[in-house]
Amino acid sequence: MASIEYSQVRKGMVIVGEDGQLYHVVDRDLNTPGNWRAILQLKLKNLKTGSITINRVRPQDKVEQAYLDKREMQYIYQDGDGYVFMDTESFDQITLAREWVGDLMLYMKEGNNAQVVFFDGKPISLDLPATVELKVTDTEPSVKGATAAAQYKPATLETGLKITVPPFVTIGEMVAVDTRTGEYLSRAK
């Protein structure tokens, strides 16, 4: 870890808070009101709890920058209450607990790759690709004469993820899903 001034903190960085927790810098705003002291306002997301806080700091104060190690890992299989991932370069395997990954696994099927972020050798987050392709396993049949303007219908995908799809999508089709919003994007190519 390295000590830097708050003035060097940028959006997207991860810093170590005074409480020892890791915080992702969501936004920063430097305020220099005339001849007053500059104040830096940081919007921080706690990587452990997910809570967002606003911190006001002096730009010249010091903070620890966390060095994160991102590794491309492939989801291999589910093992009891965990999910086994393999490093695509070293072939090392780690098991991520079900509580830890939560609903993110609804976007992952065996063989899919994701970025696992490590800090001090411990996994701290799972970054999914922006889109994934999954097979529709259950949805209502399409209605003849349905227009594109018709209402979307519910569908269940192969991982158990429930989304809404246009009326023309049928069981067995592959669809592209946005992992940030959980929305249908298109039929997979």
C-alpha atoms as a PDB file:
ATOM      1  CA  MET A   1       0.000   0.000   0.000  1.00  0.00           C
ATOM      2  CA  ALA A   2       1.112   3.527  -0.647  1.00  0.00           C
ATOM      3  CA  SER A   3       0.283   6.766   1.086  1.00  0.00           C
ATOM      4  CA  ILE A   4      -0.978   9.496  -1.228  1.00  0.00           C
ATOM      5  CA  GLU A   5      -2.602  12.892  -0.728  1.00  0.00           C
ATOM      6  CA  TYR A   6      -6.369  13.038  -1.079  1.00  0.00           C
ATOM      7  CA  SER A   7      -5.802  15.500  -3.963  1.00  0.00           C
ATOM      8  CA  GLN A   8      -4.397  12.535  -5.960  1.00  0.00           C
ATOM      9  CA  VAL A   9      -7.482  10.374  -5.362  1.00  0.00           C
ATOM     10  CA  ARG A  10      -9.470   9.742  -8.558  1.00  0.00           C
ATOM     11  CA  LYS A  11     -12.798   8.120  -9.419  1.00  0.00           C
ATOM     12  CA  GLY A  12     -12.495   4.331  -9.598  1.00  0.00           C
ATOM     13  CA  MET A  13      -9.625   4.077  -7.083  1.00  0.00           C
ATOM     14  CA  VAL A  14      -9.888   1.957  -3.959  1.00  0.00           C
ATOM     15  CA  ILE A  15      -8.651   3.532  -0.725  1.00  0.00           C
ATOM     16  CA  VAL A  16      -8.311   2.270   2.833  1.00  0.00           C
ATOM     17  CA  GLY A  17     -10.539   4.211   5.235  1.00  0.00           C
ATOM     18  CA  GLU A  18      -9.535   5.238   8.753  1.00  0.00           C
ATOM     19  CA  ASP A  19     -11.553   2.218   9.951  1.00  0.00           C
ATOM     20  CA  GLY A  20      -9.348  -0.135   7.897  1.00  0.00           C
ATOM     21  CA  GLN A  21     -12.195  -0.920   5.467  1.00  0.00           C
ATOM     22  CA  LEU A  22     -11.803  -0.682   1.690  1.00  0.00           C
ATOM     23  CA  TYR A  23     -13.736   2.047  -0.136  1.00  0.00           C
ATOM     24  CA  HIS A  24     -14.324   2.450  -3.866  1.00  0.00           C
ATOM     25  CA  VAL A  25     -14.251   6.117  -4.927  1.00  0.00           C
ATOM     26  CA  VAL A  26     -17.573   6.609  -6.729  1.00  0.00           C
ATOM     27  CA  ASP A  27     -17.200  10.363  -7.225  1.00  0.00           C
ATOM     28  CA  ARG A  28     -15.028  13.312  -6.160  1.00  0.00           C
ATOM     29  CA  ASP A  29     -15.686  17.045  -6.052  1.00  0.00           C
ATOM     30  CA  LEU A  30     -12.994  19.614  -5.227  1.00  0.00           C
ATOM     31  CA  ASN A  31     -14.406  22.837  -3.801  1.00  0.00           C
ATOM     32  CA  THR A  32     -12.186  25.938  -3.549  1.00  0.00           C
ATOM     33  CA  PRO A  33     -14.401  28.753  -2.240  1.00  0.00           C
ATOM     34  CA  GLY A  34     -12.464  31.990  -2.940  1.00  0.00           C
ATOM     35  CA  ASN A  35      -9.693  32.536  -0.411  1.00  0.00           C
ATOM     36  CA  TRP A  36     -10.944  29.791   1.927  1.00  0.00           C
ATOM     37  CA  ARG A  37      -9.292  26.393   2.313  1.00  0.00           C
ATOM     38  CA  ALA A  38     -10.040  23.838  -0.383  1.00  0.00           C
ATOM     39  CA  ILE A  39     -12.335  20.965   0.604  1.00  0.00           C
ATOM     40  CA  LEU A  40     -12.501  17.678  -1.257  1.00  0.00           C
ATOM     41  CA  GLN A  41     -15.792  15.818  -1.105  1.00  0.00           C
ATOM     42  CA  LEU A  42     -15.582  12.087  -1.815  1.00  0.00           C
ATOM     43  CA  LYS A  43     -18.499   9.750  -2.448  1.00  0.00           C
ATOM     44  CA  LEU A  44     -17.269   6.362  -1.189  1.00  0.00           C
ATOM     45  CA  LYS A  45     -18.750   2.861  -1.410  1.00  0.00           C
ATOM     46  CA  ASN A  46     -17.744   0.412   1.315  1.00  0.00           C
ATOM     47  CA  LEU A  47     -16.651  -2.757  -0.529  1.00  0.00           C
ATOM     48  CA  LYS A  48     -17.711  -4.980   2.369  1.00  0.00           C
ATOM     49  CA  THR A  49     -21.156  -3.564   3.208  1.00  0.00           C
ATOM     50  CA  GLY A  50     -22.036  -1.786  -0.048  1.00  0.00           C
ATOM     51  CA  SER A  51     -23.088   1.353   1.862  1.00  0.00           C
ATOM     52  CA  ILE A  52     -22.329   4.761   0.342  1.00  0.00           C
ATOM     53  CA  THR A  53     -20.948   7.622   2.419  1.00  0.00           C
ATOM     54  CA  ILE A  54     -19.876  11.185   1.699  1.00  0.00           C
ATOM     55  CA  ASN A  55     -16.532  12.213   3.206  1.00  0.00           C
ATOM     56  CA  ARG A  56     -15.203  15.772   3.353  1.00  0.00           C
ATOM     57  CA  VAL A  57     -11.415  15.902   3.618  1.00  0.00           C
ATOM     58  CA  ARG A  58      -8.558  18.344   3.179  1.00  0.00           C
ATOM     59  CA  PRO A  59      -6.764  17.718  -0.151  1.00  0.00           C
ATOM     60  CA  GLN A  60      -3.330  17.745   1.536  1.00  0.00           C
ATOM     61  CA  ASP A  61      -4.220  15.018   4.092  1.00  0.00           C
ATOM     62  CA  LYS A  62      -2.855  11.521   3.475  1.00  0.00           C
ATOM     63  CA  VAL A  63      -4.745   8.322   2.681  1.00  0.00           C
ATOM     64  CA  GLU A  64      -3.662   4.761   1.883  1.00  0.00           C
ATOM     65  CA  GLN A  65      -4.288   3.616  -1.678  1.00  0.00           C
ATOM     66  CA  ALA A  66      -5.167  -0.081  -1.855  1.00  0.00           C
ATOM     67  CA  TYR A  67      -3.437  -2.125  -4.528  1.00  0.00           C
ATOM     68  CA  LEU A  68      -5.878  -4.577  -5.949  1.00  0.00           C
ATOM     69  CA  ASP A  69      -5.039  -7.628  -7.962  1.00  0.00           C
ATOM     70  CA  LYS A  70      -7.616  -8.447 -10.660  1.00  0.00           C
ATOM     71  CA  ARG A  71      -7.477 -11.959 -12.036  1.00  0.00           C
ATOM     72  CA  GLU A  72      -9.366 -13.475 -14.941  1.00  0.00           C
ATOM     73  CA  MET A  73     -11.037 -16.573 -13.508  1.00  0.00           C
ATOM     74  CA  GLN A  74     -13.332 -19.210 -14.952  1.00  0.00           C
ATOM     75  CA  TYR A  75     -16.356 -20.523 -13.076  1.00  0.00           C
ATOM     76  CA  ILE A  76     -15.939 -24.307 -13.034  1.00  0.00           C
ATOM     77  CA  TYR A  77     -18.643 -25.796 -10.795  1.00  0.00           C
ATOM     78  CA  GLN A  78     -20.746 -25.437  -7.659  1.00  0.00           C
ATOM     79  CA  ASP A  79     -19.404 -27.234  -4.593  1.00  0.00           C
ATOM     80  CA  GLY A  80     -21.814 -27.384  -1.646  1.00  0.00           C
ATOM     81  CA  ASP A  81     -22.294 -23.801  -0.452  1.00  0.00           C
ATOM     82  CA  GLY A  82     -19.582 -22.386  -2.687  1.00  0.00           C
ATOM     83  CA  TYR A  83     -18.592 -21.784  -6.285  1.00  0.00           C
ATOM     84  CA  VAL A  84     -15.214 -22.958  -7.567  1.00  0.00           C
ATOM     85  CA  PHE A  85     -13.295 -20.571  -9.826  1.00  0.00           C
ATOM     86  CA  MET A  86      -9.999 -21.312 -11.595  1.00  0.00           C
ATOM     87  CA  ASP A  87      -7.326 -18.743 -12.450  1.00  0.00           C
ATOM     88  CA  THR A  88      -7.020 -18.864 -16.262  1.00  0.00           C
ATOM     89  CA  GLU A  89      -3.234 -18.308 -16.089  1.00  0.00           C
ATOM     90  CA  SER A  90      -1.960 -20.176 -13.029  1.00  0.00           C
ATOM     91  CA  PHE A  91      -4.832 -22.727 -12.865  1.00  0.00           C
ATOM     92  CA  ASP A  92      -5.080 -22.096  -9.083  1.00  0.00           C
ATOM     93  CA  GLN A  93      -8.578 -22.739  -7.782  1.00  0.00           C
ATOM     94  CA  ILE A  94     -10.534 -20.818  -5.152  1.00  0.00           C
ATOM     95  CA  THR A  95     -13.999 -21.367  -3.723  1.00  0.00           C
ATOM     96  CA  LEU A  96     -16.213 -18.310  -3.258  1.00  0.00           C
ATOM     97  CA  ALA A  97     -18.944 -18.675  -0.619  1.00  0.00           C
ATOM     98  CA  ARG A  98     -22.597 -18.453  -1.651  1.00  0.00           C
ATOM     99  CA  GLU A  99     -23.282 -15.546   0.775  1.00  0.00           C
ATOM    100  CA  TRP A 100     -20.286 -13.712  -0.642  1.00  0.00           C
ATOM    101  CA  VAL A 101     -21.250 -13.850  -4.337  1.00  0.00           C
ATOM    102  CA  GLY A 102     -25.014 -13.712  -3.766  1.00  0.00           C
ATOM    103  CA  ASP A 103     -27.185 -13.031  -6.802  1.00  0.00           C
ATOM    104  CA  LEU A 104     -24.189 -12.477  -9.083  1.00  0.00           C
ATOM    105  CA  MET A 105     -24.108 -16.228  -9.754  1.00  0.00           C
ATOM    106  CA  LEU A 106     -27.480 -15.934 -11.517  1.00  0.00           C
ATOM    107  CA  TYR A 107     -25.471 -14.448 -14.408  1.00  0.00           C
ATOM    108  CA  MET A 108     -22.774 -17.141 -14.411  1.00  0.00           C
ATOM    109  CA  LYS A 109     -22.848 -20.587 -15.937  1.00  0.00           C
ATOM    110  CA  GLU A 110     -20.064 -23.160 -15.894  1.00  0.00           C
ATOM    111  CA  GLY A 111     -17.269 -22.146 -18.244  1.00  0.00           C
ATOM    112  CA  ASN A 112     -17.976 -18.385 -18.023  1.00  0.00           C
ATOM    113  CA  ASN A 113     -15.138 -16.034 -17.120  1.00  0.00           C
ATOM    114  CA  ALA A 114     -15.229 -13.136 -14.656  1.00  0.00           C
ATOM    115  CA  GLN A 115     -12.721 -10.894 -12.898  1.00  0.00           C
ATOM    116  CA  VAL A 116     -12.065 -11.761  -9.256  1.00  0.00           C
ATOM    117  CA  VAL A 117     -10.539  -8.830  -7.378  1.00  0.00           C
ATOM    118  CA  PHE A 118      -8.064  -9.631  -4.596  1.00  0.00           C
ATOM    119  CA  PHE A 119      -6.643  -7.475  -1.803  1.00  0.00           C
ATOM    120  CA  ASP A 120      -3.833  -8.873   0.361  1.00  0.00           C
ATOM    121  CA  GLY A 121      -4.410 -12.287  -1.227  1.00  0.00           C
ATOM    122  CA  LYS A 122      -8.112 -12.407  -0.265  1.00  0.00           C
ATOM    123  CA  PRO A 123     -10.940 -12.131  -2.812  1.00  0.00           C
ATOM    124  CA  ILE A 124     -12.978  -8.950  -2.186  1.00  0.00           C
ATOM    125  CA  SER A 125     -15.248  -8.684  -5.228  1.00  0.00           C
ATOM    126  CA  LEU A 126     -16.466 -10.427  -8.347  1.00  0.00           C
ATOM    127  CA  ASP A 127     -16.670  -8.274 -11.491  1.00  0.00           C
ATOM    128  CA  LEU A 128     -18.895  -9.790 -14.149  1.00  0.00           C
ATOM    129  CA  PRO A 129     -18.619  -9.130 -17.879  1.00  0.00           C
ATOM    130  CA  ALA A 130     -21.034  -6.365 -19.002  1.00  0.00           C
ATOM    131  CA  THR A 131     -23.220  -8.880 -20.851  1.00  0.00           C
ATOM    132  CA  VAL A 132     -23.753 -12.628 -20.691  1.00  0.00           C
ATOM    133  CA  GLU A 133     -25.571 -15.044 -22.987  1.00  0.00           C
ATOM    134  CA  LEU A 134     -28.008 -17.424 -21.327  1.00  0.00           C
ATOM    135  CA  LYS A 135     -30.593 -19.915 -22.597  1.00  0.00           C
ATOM    136  CA  VAL A 136     -34.330 -19.368 -21.999  1.00  0.00           C
ATOM    137  CA  THR A 137     -35.677 -22.425 -20.145  1.00  0.00           C
ATOM    138  CA  ASP A 138     -39.228 -21.222 -19.481  1.00  0.00           C
ATOM    139  CA  THR A 139     -41.511 -18.554 -20.936  1.00  0.00           C
ATOM    140  CA  GLU A 140     -45.047 -18.260 -22.272  1.00  0.00           C
ATOM    141  CA  PRO A 141     -45.522 -19.189 -25.942  1.00  0.00           C
ATOM    142  CA  SER A 142     -45.534 -16.269 -28.377  1.00  0.00           C
ATOM    143  CA  VAL A 143     -48.946 -15.081 -29.460  1.00  0.00           C
ATOM    144  CA  LYS A 144     -49.640 -14.998 -33.204  1.00  0.00           C
ATOM    145  CA  GLY A 145     -50.036 -11.452 -34.451  1.00  0.00           C
ATOM    146  CA  ALA A 146     -48.234  -9.984 -31.439  1.00  0.00           C
ATOM    147  CA  THR A 147     -46.525  -6.743 -32.350  1.00  0.00           C
ATOM    148  CA  ALA A 148     -43.146  -5.517 -31.184  1.00  0.00           C
ATOM    149  CA  ALA A 149     -45.009  -2.907 -29.158  1.00  0.00           C
ATOM    150  CA  ALA A 150     -46.656  -5.665 -27.114  1.00  0.00           C
ATOM    151  CA  GLN A 151     -45.820  -6.016 -23.444  1.00  0.00           C
ATOM    152  CA  TYR A 152     -42.733  -7.965 -22.432  1.00  0.00           C
ATOM    153  CA  LYS A 153     -43.352 -11.378 -20.863  1.00  0.00           C
ATOM    154  CA  PRO A 154     -41.572 -13.122 -17.947  1.00  0.00           C
ATOM    155  CA  ALA A 155     -38.872 -15.682 -18.738  1.00  0.00           C
ATOM    156  CA  THR A 156     -36.642 -17.952 -16.660  1.00  0.00           C
ATOM    157  CA  LEU A 157     -33.063 -18.529 -17.835  1.00  0.00           C
ATOM    158  CA  GLU A 158     -30.828 -21.589 -17.403  1.00  0.00           C
ATOM    159  CA  THR A 159     -29.213 -20.204 -14.217  1.00  0.00           C
ATOM    160  CA  GLY A 160     -32.577 -19.482 -12.549  1.00  0.00           C
ATOM    161  CA  LEU A 161     -32.425 -15.758 -13.377  1.00  0.00           C
ATOM    162  CA  LYS A 162     -35.876 -14.294 -14.023  1.00  0.00           C
ATOM    163  CA  ILE A 163     -36.123 -11.464 -16.583  1.00  0.00           C
ATOM    164  CA  THR A 164     -38.681 -10.036 -19.003  1.00  0.00           C
ATOM    165  CA  VAL A 165     -38.301 -10.637 -22.730  1.00  0.00           C
ATOM    166  CA  PRO A 166     -40.122  -9.493 -25.894  1.00  0.00           C
ATOM    167  CA  PRO A 167     -43.068 -11.660 -26.995  1.00  0.00           C
ATOM    168  CA  PHE A 168     -41.149 -13.271 -29.902  1.00  0.00           C
ATOM    169  CA  VAL A 169     -38.514 -14.956 -27.643  1.00  0.00           C
ATOM    170  CA  THR A 170     -39.129 -18.702 -27.213  1.00  0.00           C
ATOM    171  CA  ILE A 171     -37.874 -21.536 -24.976  1.00  0.00           C
ATOM    172  CA  GLY A 172     -34.420 -22.778 -26.011  1.00  0.00           C
ATOM    173  CA  GLU A 173     -33.261 -19.442 -27.442  1.00  0.00           C
ATOM    174  CA  MET A 174     -30.070 -17.758 -26.243  1.00  0.00           C
ATOM    175  CA  VAL A 175     -30.477 -14.160 -25.095  1.00  0.00           C
ATOM    176  CA  ALA A 176     -27.979 -11.445 -24.153  1.00  0.00           C
ATOM    177  CA  VAL A 177     -28.521  -9.970 -20.667  1.00  0.00           C
ATOM    178  CA  ASP A 178     -26.999  -6.824 -19.129  1.00  0.00           C
ATOM    179  CA  THR A 179     -25.354  -7.937 -15.851  1.00  0.00           C
ATOM    180  CA  ARG A 180     -25.597  -4.446 -14.299  1.00  0.00           C
ATOM    181  CA  THR A 181     -29.370  -4.056 -14.745  1.00  0.00           C
ATOM    182  CA  GLY A 182     -30.590  -7.621 -15.325  1.00  0.00           C
ATOM    183  CA  GLU A 183     -32.353  -6.492 -18.506  1.00  0.00           C
ATOM    184  CA  TYR A 184     -32.822  -8.334 -21.785  1.00  0.00           C
ATOM    185  CA  LEU A 185     -30.638  -6.780 -24.510  1.00  0.00           C
ATOM    186  CA  SER A 186     -31.168  -8.916 -27.598  1.00  0.00           C
ATOM    187  CA  ARG A 187     -31.240 -12.407 -29.011  1.00  0.00           C
ATOM    188  CA  ALA A 188     -27.720 -13.833 -28.844  1.00  0.00           C
ATOM    189  CA  LYS A 189     -25.923 -14.049 -32.173  1.00  0.00           C
END
